[in-house]
């Protein structure tokens, strides 16, 4: 539910609030690759690219099949 609320805030462009909610979700479930990938997206929205890169790496480590995390990581490498 917390992750879903973060997604809603992200869609509204409220990246700080989305990041706060993703942090809460990760406190509840630290091994959730989707939350890590979503947190990376919020960080990208805030221009915090180095942190986003690390989050994407962690998401890929947790779920090597995550296409979204791989895509974000590749996009960050290009940037």
PDB file of N, CA and C in Angstrom:
ATOM      1  N   UNK A   1       0.824  -1.200   0.000  1.00  0.00           N
ATOM      2  CA  UNK A   1       0.000   0.000   0.000  1.00  0.00           C
ATOM      3  C   UNK A   1       0.872   1.269   0.000  1.00  0.00           C
ATOM      4  N   UNK A   2       1.957   1.239   0.747  1.00  0.00           N
ATOM      5  CA  UNK A   2       2.857   2.401   0.804  1.00  0.00           C
ATOM      6  C   UNK A   2       3.516   2.612  -0.565  1.00  0.00           C
ATOM      7  N   UNK A   3       3.927   1.517  -1.202  1.00  0.00           N
ATOM      8  CA  UNK A   3       4.521   1.613  -2.539  1.00  0.00           C
ATOM      9  C   UNK A   3       3.510   2.191  -3.523  1.00  0.00           C
ATOM     10  N   UNK A   4       2.285   1.758  -3.430  1.00  0.00           N
ATOM     11  CA  UNK A   4       1.232   2.264  -4.322  1.00  0.00           C
ATOM     12  C   UNK A   4       1.037   3.768  -4.124  1.00  0.00           C
ATOM     13  N   UNK A   5       1.076   4.221  -2.876  1.00  0.00           N
ATOM     14  CA  UNK A   5       0.957   5.656  -2.587  1.00  0.00           C
ATOM     15  C   UNK A   5       2.151   6.407  -3.179  1.00  0.00           C
ATOM     16  N   UNK A   6       3.340   5.802  -3.113  1.00  0.00           N
ATOM     17  CA  UNK A   6       4.519   6.402  -3.723  1.00  0.00           C
ATOM     18  C   UNK A   6       4.355   6.514  -5.229  1.00  0.00           C
ATOM     19  N   UNK A   7       3.784   5.484  -5.836  1.00  0.00           N
ATOM     20  CA  UNK A   7       3.541   5.510  -7.280  1.00  0.00           C
ATOM     21  C   UNK A   7       2.587   6.642  -7.646  1.00  0.00           C
ATOM     22  N   UNK A   8       1.561   6.840  -6.836  1.00  0.00           N
ATOM     23  CA  UNK A   8       0.600   7.931  -7.090  1.00  0.00           C
ATOM     24  C   UNK A   8       1.298   9.290  -7.033  1.00  0.00           C
ATOM     25  N   UNK A   9       2.153   9.473  -6.037  1.00  0.00           N
ATOM     26  CA  UNK A   9       2.877  10.733  -5.904  1.00  0.00           C
ATOM     27  C   UNK A   9       3.856  10.920  -7.062  1.00  0.00           C
ATOM     28  N   UNK A  10       4.485   9.841  -7.469  1.00  0.00           N
ATOM     29  CA  UNK A  10       5.426   9.913  -8.591  1.00  0.00           C
ATOM     30  C   UNK A  10       4.689  10.362  -9.859  1.00  0.00           C
ATOM     31  N   UNK A  11       3.538   9.759 -10.126  1.00  0.00           N
ATOM     32  CA  UNK A  11       2.756  10.128 -11.319  1.00  0.00           C
ATOM     33  C   UNK A  11       2.343  11.594 -11.300  1.00  0.00           C
ATOM     34  N   UNK A  12       2.164  12.158 -10.107  1.00  0.00           N
ATOM     35  CA  UNK A  12       1.801  13.574  -9.972  1.00  0.00           C
ATOM     36  C   UNK A  12       3.022  14.496 -10.090  1.00  0.00           C
ATOM     37  N   UNK A  13       4.214  13.897 -10.154  1.00  0.00           N
ATOM     38  CA  UNK A  13       5.431  14.700 -10.228  1.00  0.00           C
ATOM     39  C   UNK A  13       5.933  15.158  -8.873  1.00  0.00           C
ATOM     40  N   UNK A  14       5.394  14.599  -7.810  1.00  0.00           N
ATOM     41  CA  UNK A  14       5.815  14.934  -6.434  1.00  0.00           C
ATOM     42  C   UNK A  14       6.927  13.964  -6.028  1.00  0.00           C
ATOM     43  N   UNK A  15       8.116  14.181  -6.571  1.00  0.00           N
ATOM     44  CA  UNK A  15       9.198  13.212  -6.415  1.00  0.00           C
ATOM     45  C   UNK A  15       9.713  13.108  -4.983  1.00  0.00           C
ATOM     46  N   UNK A  16       9.767  14.222  -4.258  1.00  0.00           N
ATOM     47  CA  UNK A  16      10.224  14.174  -2.851  1.00  0.00           C
ATOM     48  C   UNK A  16       9.284  13.309  -2.020  1.00  0.00           C
ATOM     49  N   UNK A  17       7.988  13.511  -2.192  1.00  0.00           N
ATOM     50  CA  UNK A  17       7.000  12.725  -1.438  1.00  0.00           C
ATOM     51  C   UNK A  17       7.041  11.260  -1.870  1.00  0.00           C
ATOM     52  N   UNK A  18       7.191  11.024  -3.155  1.00  0.00           N
ATOM     53  CA  UNK A  18       7.297   9.646  -3.647  1.00  0.00           C
ATOM     54  C   UNK A  18       8.516   8.973  -3.029  1.00  0.00           C
ATOM     55  N   UNK A  19       9.636   9.678  -3.000  1.00  0.00           N
ATOM     56  CA  UNK A  19      10.862   9.136  -2.419  1.00  0.00           C
ATOM     57  C   UNK A  19      10.657   8.792  -0.951  1.00  0.00           C
ATOM     58  N   UNK A  20       9.999   9.672  -0.220  1.00  0.00           N
ATOM     59  CA  UNK A  20       9.726   9.419   1.199  1.00  0.00           C
ATOM     60  C   UNK A  20       8.884   8.152   1.370  1.00  0.00           C
ATOM     61  N   UNK A  21       7.890   7.983   0.520  1.00  0.00           N
ATOM     62  CA  UNK A  21       7.027   6.801   0.608  1.00  0.00           C
ATOM     63  C   UNK A  21       7.776   5.530   0.200  1.00  0.00           C
ATOM     64  N   UNK A  22       8.609   5.616  -0.823  1.00  0.00           N
ATOM     65  CA  UNK A  22       9.405   4.445  -1.199  1.00  0.00           C
ATOM     66  C   UNK A  22      10.383   4.074  -0.091  1.00  0.00           C
ATOM     67  N   UNK A  23      10.935   5.072   0.590  1.00  0.00           N
ATOM     68  CA  UNK A  23      11.805   4.789   1.737  1.00  0.00           C
ATOM     69  C   UNK A  23      11.049   4.034   2.824  1.00  0.00           C
ATOM     70  N   UNK A  24       9.821   4.460   3.081  1.00  0.00           N
ATOM     71  CA  UNK A  24       8.988   3.752   4.080  1.00  0.00           C
ATOM     72  C   UNK A  24       8.711   2.323   3.640  1.00  0.00           C
ATOM     73  N   UNK A  25       8.403   2.136   2.353  1.00  0.00           N
ATOM     74  CA  UNK A  25       8.134   0.796   1.833  1.00  0.00           C
ATOM     75  C   UNK A  25       9.365  -0.090   1.969  1.00  0.00           C
ATOM     76  N   UNK A  26      10.532   0.476   1.693  1.00  0.00           N
ATOM     77  CA  UNK A  26      11.767  -0.301   1.813  1.00  0.00           C
ATOM     78  C   UNK A  26      12.110  -0.623   3.261  1.00  0.00           C
ATOM     79  N   UNK A  27      11.705   0.229   4.180  1.00  0.00           N
ATOM     80  CA  UNK A  27      11.922  -0.076   5.599  1.00  0.00           C
ATOM     81  C   UNK A  27      11.112  -1.317   5.991  1.00  0.00           C
ATOM     82  N   UNK A  28       9.970  -1.491   5.348  1.00  0.00           N
ATOM     83  CA  UNK A  28       9.122  -2.653   5.624  1.00  0.00           C
ATOM     84  C   UNK A  28       9.599  -3.900   4.885  1.00  0.00           C
ATOM     85  N   UNK A  29      10.146  -3.708   3.697  1.00  0.00           N
ATOM     86  CA  UNK A  29      10.571  -4.835   2.862  1.00  0.00           C
ATOM     87  C   UNK A  29      11.829  -4.436   2.082  1.00  0.00           C
ATOM     88  N   UNK A  30      12.990  -4.505   2.719  1.00  0.00           N
ATOM     89  CA  UNK A  30      14.226  -3.996   2.114  1.00  0.00           C
ATOM     90  C   UNK A  30      14.688  -4.745   0.864  1.00  0.00           C
ATOM     91  N   UNK A  31      14.199  -5.947   0.627  1.00  0.00           N
ATOM     92  CA  UNK A  31      14.630  -6.733  -0.527  1.00  0.00           C
ATOM     93  C   UNK A  31      13.662  -6.656  -1.698  1.00  0.00           C
ATOM     94  N   UNK A  32      12.833  -5.622  -1.733  1.00  0.00           N
ATOM     95  CA  UNK A  32      11.853  -5.466  -2.796  1.00  0.00           C
ATOM     96  C   UNK A  32      12.496  -4.708  -3.965  1.00  0.00           C
ATOM     97  N   UNK A  33      12.789  -5.438  -5.047  1.00  0.00           N
ATOM     98  CA  UNK A  33      13.458  -4.843  -6.204  1.00  0.00           C
ATOM     99  C   UNK A  33      12.600  -3.770  -6.861  1.00  0.00           C
ATOM    100  N   UNK A  34      11.286  -3.956  -6.901  1.00  0.00           N
ATOM    101  CA  UNK A  34      10.402  -2.962  -7.520  1.00  0.00           C
ATOM    102  C   UNK A  34      10.463  -1.640  -6.761  1.00  0.00           C
ATOM    103  N   UNK A  35      10.509  -1.706  -5.439  1.00  0.00           N
ATOM    104  CA  UNK A  35      10.618  -0.478  -4.640  1.00  0.00           C
ATOM    105  C   UNK A  35      11.950   0.212  -4.902  1.00  0.00           C
ATOM    106  N   UNK A  36      13.010  -0.563  -5.035  1.00  0.00           N
ATOM    107  CA  UNK A  36      14.331   0.014  -5.327  1.00  0.00           C
ATOM    108  C   UNK A  36      14.308   0.707  -6.688  1.00  0.00           C
ATOM    109  N   UNK A  37      13.705   0.048  -7.669  1.00  0.00           N
ATOM    110  CA  UNK A  37      13.623   0.624  -9.007  1.00  0.00           C
ATOM    111  C   UNK A  37      12.762   1.886  -9.009  1.00  0.00           C
ATOM    112  N   UNK A  38      11.655   1.859  -8.291  1.00  0.00           N
ATOM    113  CA  UNK A  38      10.792   3.041  -8.197  1.00  0.00           C
ATOM    114  C   UNK A  38      11.492   4.170  -7.462  1.00  0.00           C
ATOM    115  N   UNK A  39      12.246   3.824  -6.440  1.00  0.00           N
ATOM    116  CA  UNK A  39      13.014   4.835  -5.706  1.00  0.00           C
ATOM    117  C   UNK A  39      14.019   5.490  -6.656  1.00  0.00           C
ATOM    118  N   UNK A  40      14.639   4.675  -7.514  1.00  0.00           N
ATOM    119  CA  UNK A  40      15.565   5.209  -8.505  1.00  0.00           C
ATOM    120  C   UNK A  40      14.860   6.190  -9.433  1.00  0.00           C
ATOM    121  N   UNK A  41      13.648   5.863  -9.844  1.00  0.00           N
ATOM    122  CA  UNK A  41      12.897   6.759 -10.733  1.00  0.00           C
ATOM    123  C   UNK A  41      12.650   8.106 -10.058  1.00  0.00           C
ATOM    124  N   UNK A  42      12.295   8.080  -8.778  1.00  0.00           N
ATOM    125  CA  UNK A  42      12.062   9.327  -8.044  1.00  0.00           C
ATOM    126  C   UNK A  42      13.367  10.121  -7.937  1.00  0.00           C
ATOM    127  N   UNK A  43      14.463   9.432  -7.688  1.00  0.00           N
ATOM    128  CA  UNK A  43      15.758  10.098  -7.608  1.00  0.00           C
ATOM    129  C   UNK A  43      16.134  10.726  -8.947  1.00  0.00           C
ATOM    130  N   UNK A  44      15.829  10.035 -10.036  1.00  0.00           N
ATOM    131  CA  UNK A  44      16.082  10.594 -11.364  1.00  0.00           C
ATOM    132  C   UNK A  44      15.275  11.879 -11.529  1.00  0.00           C
ATOM    133  N   UNK A  45      14.016  11.836 -11.108  1.00  0.00           N
ATOM    134  CA  UNK A  45      13.172  13.016 -11.190  1.00  0.00           C
ATOM    135  C   UNK A  45      13.725  14.190 -10.404  1.00  0.00           C
ATOM    136  N   UNK A  46      14.468  13.902  -9.352  1.00  0.00           N
ATOM    137  CA  UNK A  46      15.082  14.948  -8.526  1.00  0.00           C
ATOM    138  C   UNK A  46      16.485  15.325  -9.004  1.00  0.00           C
ATOM    139  N   UNK A  47      16.948  14.666 -10.059  1.00  0.00           N
ATOM    140  CA  UNK A  47      18.275  14.960 -10.582  1.00  0.00           C
ATOM    141  C   UNK A  47      19.411  14.347  -9.790  1.00  0.00           C
ATOM    142  N   UNK A  48      19.110  13.397  -8.935  1.00  0.00           N
ATOM    143  CA  UNK A  48      20.117  12.750  -8.090  1.00  0.00           C
ATOM    144  C   UNK A  48      20.552  11.443  -8.766  1.00  0.00           C
ATOM    145  N   UNK A  49      21.296  11.600  -9.858  1.00  0.00           N
ATOM    146  CA  UNK A  49      21.573  10.481 -10.745  1.00  0.00           C
ATOM    147  C   UNK A  49      22.511   9.436 -10.152  1.00  0.00           C
ATOM    148  N   UNK A  50      23.510   9.844  -9.408  1.00  0.00           N
ATOM    149  CA  UNK A  50      24.439   8.873  -8.817  1.00  0.00           C
ATOM    150  C   UNK A  50      23.710   7.964  -7.829  1.00  0.00           C
ATOM    151  N   UNK A  51      22.835   8.538  -7.033  1.00  0.00           N
ATOM    152  CA  UNK A  51      22.047   7.733  -6.089  1.00  0.00           C
ATOM    153  C   UNK A  51      21.105   6.806  -6.849  1.00  0.00           C
ATOM    154  N   UNK A  52      20.511   7.317  -7.912  1.00  0.00           N
ATOM    155  CA  UNK A  52      19.602   6.510  -8.725  1.00  0.00           C
ATOM    156  C   UNK A  52      20.351   5.325  -9.332  1.00  0.00           C
ATOM    157  N   UNK A  53      21.561   5.564  -9.790  1.00  0.00           N
ATOM    158  CA  UNK A  53      22.378   4.499 -10.366  1.00  0.00           C
ATOM    159  C   UNK A  53      22.587   3.378  -9.343  1.00  0.00           C
ATOM    160  N   UNK A  54      22.929   3.755  -8.116  1.00  0.00           N
ATOM    161  CA  UNK A  54      23.153   2.750  -7.062  1.00  0.00           C
ATOM    162  C   UNK A  54      21.877   1.977  -6.751  1.00  0.00           C
ATOM    163  N   UNK A  55      20.742   2.672  -6.748  1.00  0.00           N
ATOM    164  CA  UNK A  55      19.459   1.992  -6.500  1.00  0.00           C
ATOM    165  C   UNK A  55      19.150   1.001  -7.608  1.00  0.00           C
ATOM    166  N   UNK A  56      19.410   1.388  -8.851  1.00  0.00           N
ATOM    167  CA  UNK A  56      19.178   0.480  -9.978  1.00  0.00           C
ATOM    168  C   UNK A  56      20.076  -0.746  -9.880  1.00  0.00           C
ATOM    169  N   UNK A  57      21.328  -0.533  -9.521  1.00  0.00           N
ATOM    170  CA  UNK A  57      22.239  -1.669  -9.348  1.00  0.00           C
ATOM    171  C   UNK A  57      21.710  -2.631  -8.290  1.00  0.00           C
ATOM    172  N   UNK A  58      21.208  -2.080  -7.197  1.00  0.00           N
ATOM    173  CA  UNK A  58      20.669  -2.926  -6.131  1.00  0.00           C
ATOM    174  C   UNK A  58      19.412  -3.652  -6.601  1.00  0.00           C
ATOM    175  N   UNK A  59      18.554  -2.978  -7.346  1.00  0.00           N
ATOM    176  CA  UNK A  59      17.339  -3.609  -7.871  1.00  0.00           C
ATOM    177  C   UNK A  59      17.692  -4.772  -8.794  1.00  0.00           C
ATOM    178  N   UNK A  60      18.692  -4.576  -9.641  1.00  0.00           N
ATOM    179  CA  UNK A  60      19.126  -5.641 -10.545  1.00  0.00           C
ATOM    180  C   UNK A  60      19.735  -6.795  -9.759  1.00  0.00           C
ATOM    181  N   UNK A  61      20.478  -6.478  -8.711  1.00  0.00           N
ATOM    182  CA  UNK A  61      21.054  -7.540  -7.868  1.00  0.00           C
ATOM    183  C   UNK A  61      19.954  -8.365  -7.224  1.00  0.00           C
ATOM    184  N   UNK A  62      18.913  -7.676  -6.732  1.00  0.00           N
ATOM    185  CA  UNK A  62      17.811  -8.373  -6.063  1.00  0.00           C
ATOM    186  C   UNK A  62      16.946  -9.167  -7.037  1.00  0.00           C
ATOM    187  N   UNK A  63      16.765  -8.626  -8.248  1.00  0.00           N
ATOM    188  CA  UNK A  63      15.929  -9.288  -9.255  1.00  0.00           C
ATOM    189  C   UNK A  63      16.572  -9.127 -10.627  1.00  0.00           C
ATOM    190  N   UNK A  64      17.474 -10.046 -10.984  1.00  0.00           N
ATOM    191  CA  UNK A  64      18.170  -9.946 -12.265  1.00  0.00           C
ATOM    192  C   UNK A  64      17.236  -9.961 -13.480  1.00  0.00           C
ATOM    193  N   UNK A  65      16.001 -10.393 -13.322  1.00  0.00           N
ATOM    194  CA  UNK A  65      15.051 -10.436 -14.439  1.00  0.00           C
ATOM    195  C   UNK A  65      14.238  -9.151 -14.574  1.00  0.00           C
ATOM    196  N   UNK A  66      14.496  -8.171 -13.727  1.00  0.00           N
ATOM    197  CA  UNK A  66      13.718  -6.928 -13.758  1.00  0.00           C
ATOM    198  C   UNK A  66      14.099  -6.078 -14.963  1.00  0.00           C
ATOM    199  N   UNK A  67      13.261  -6.128 -15.983  1.00  0.00           N
ATOM    200  CA  UNK A  67      13.507  -5.347 -17.187  1.00  0.00           C
ATOM    201  C   UNK A  67      13.495  -3.849 -16.929  1.00  0.00           C
ATOM    202  N   UNK A  68      12.595  -3.431 -16.048  1.00  0.00           N
ATOM    203  CA  UNK A  68      12.498  -1.996 -15.740  1.00  0.00           C
ATOM    204  C   UNK A  68      13.790  -1.490 -15.079  1.00  0.00           C
ATOM    205  N   UNK A  69      14.313  -2.255 -14.120  1.00  0.00           N
ATOM    206  CA  UNK A  69      15.547  -1.843 -13.441  1.00  0.00           C
ATOM    207  C   UNK A  69      16.716  -1.819 -14.421  1.00  0.00           C
ATOM    208  N   UNK A  70      16.793  -2.830 -15.303  1.00  0.00           N
ATOM    209  CA  UNK A  70      17.853  -2.845 -16.314  1.00  0.00           C
ATOM    210  C   UNK A  70      17.722  -1.645 -17.249  1.00  0.00           C
ATOM    211  N   UNK A  71      16.506  -1.332 -17.644  1.00  0.00           N
ATOM    212  CA  UNK A  71      16.274  -0.200 -18.531  1.00  0.00           C
ATOM    213  C   UNK A  71      16.675   1.121 -17.904  1.00  0.00           C
ATOM    214  N   UNK A  72      16.308   1.305 -16.632  1.00  0.00           N
ATOM    215  CA  UNK A  72      16.694   2.540 -15.932  1.00  0.00           C
ATOM    216  C   UNK A  72      18.206   2.631 -15.784  1.00  0.00           C
ATOM    217  N   UNK A  73      18.823   1.501 -15.461  1.00  0.00           N
ATOM    218  CA  UNK A  73      20.272   1.477 -15.301  1.00  0.00           C
ATOM    219  C   UNK A  73      20.957   1.829 -16.622  1.00  0.00           C
ATOM    220  N   UNK A  74      20.477   1.277 -17.711  1.00  0.00           N
ATOM    221  CA  UNK A  74      21.049   1.575 -19.032  1.00  0.00           C
ATOM    222  C   UNK A  74      20.868   3.063 -19.360  1.00  0.00           C
ATOM    223  N   UNK A  75      19.689   3.594 -19.076  1.00  0.00           N
ATOM    224  CA  UNK A  75      19.437   5.018 -19.325  1.00  0.00           C
ATOM    225  C   UNK A  75      20.365   5.914 -18.529  1.00  0.00           C
ATOM    226  N   UNK A  76      20.637   5.515 -17.311  1.00  0.00           N
ATOM    227  CA  UNK A  76      21.559   6.297 -16.480  1.00  0.00           C
ATOM    228  C   UNK A  76      22.992   6.206 -17.018  1.00  0.00           C
ATOM    229  N   UNK A  77      23.362   5.045 -17.533  1.00  0.00           N
ATOM    230  CA  UNK A  77      24.699   4.910 -18.113  1.00  0.00           C
ATOM    231  C   UNK A  77      24.844   5.829 -19.326  1.00  0.00           C
ATOM    232  N   UNK A  78      23.814   5.933 -20.122  1.00  0.00           N
ATOM    233  CA  UNK A  78      23.852   6.802 -21.293  1.00  0.00           C
ATOM    234  C   UNK A  78      23.971   8.258 -20.873  1.00  0.00           C
ATOM    235  N   UNK A  79      23.253   8.617 -19.818  1.00  0.00           N
ATOM    236  CA  UNK A  79      23.305  10.002 -19.336  1.00  0.00           C
ATOM    237  C   UNK A  79      24.678  10.321 -18.818  1.00  0.00           C
TER     238      UNK A  79
END
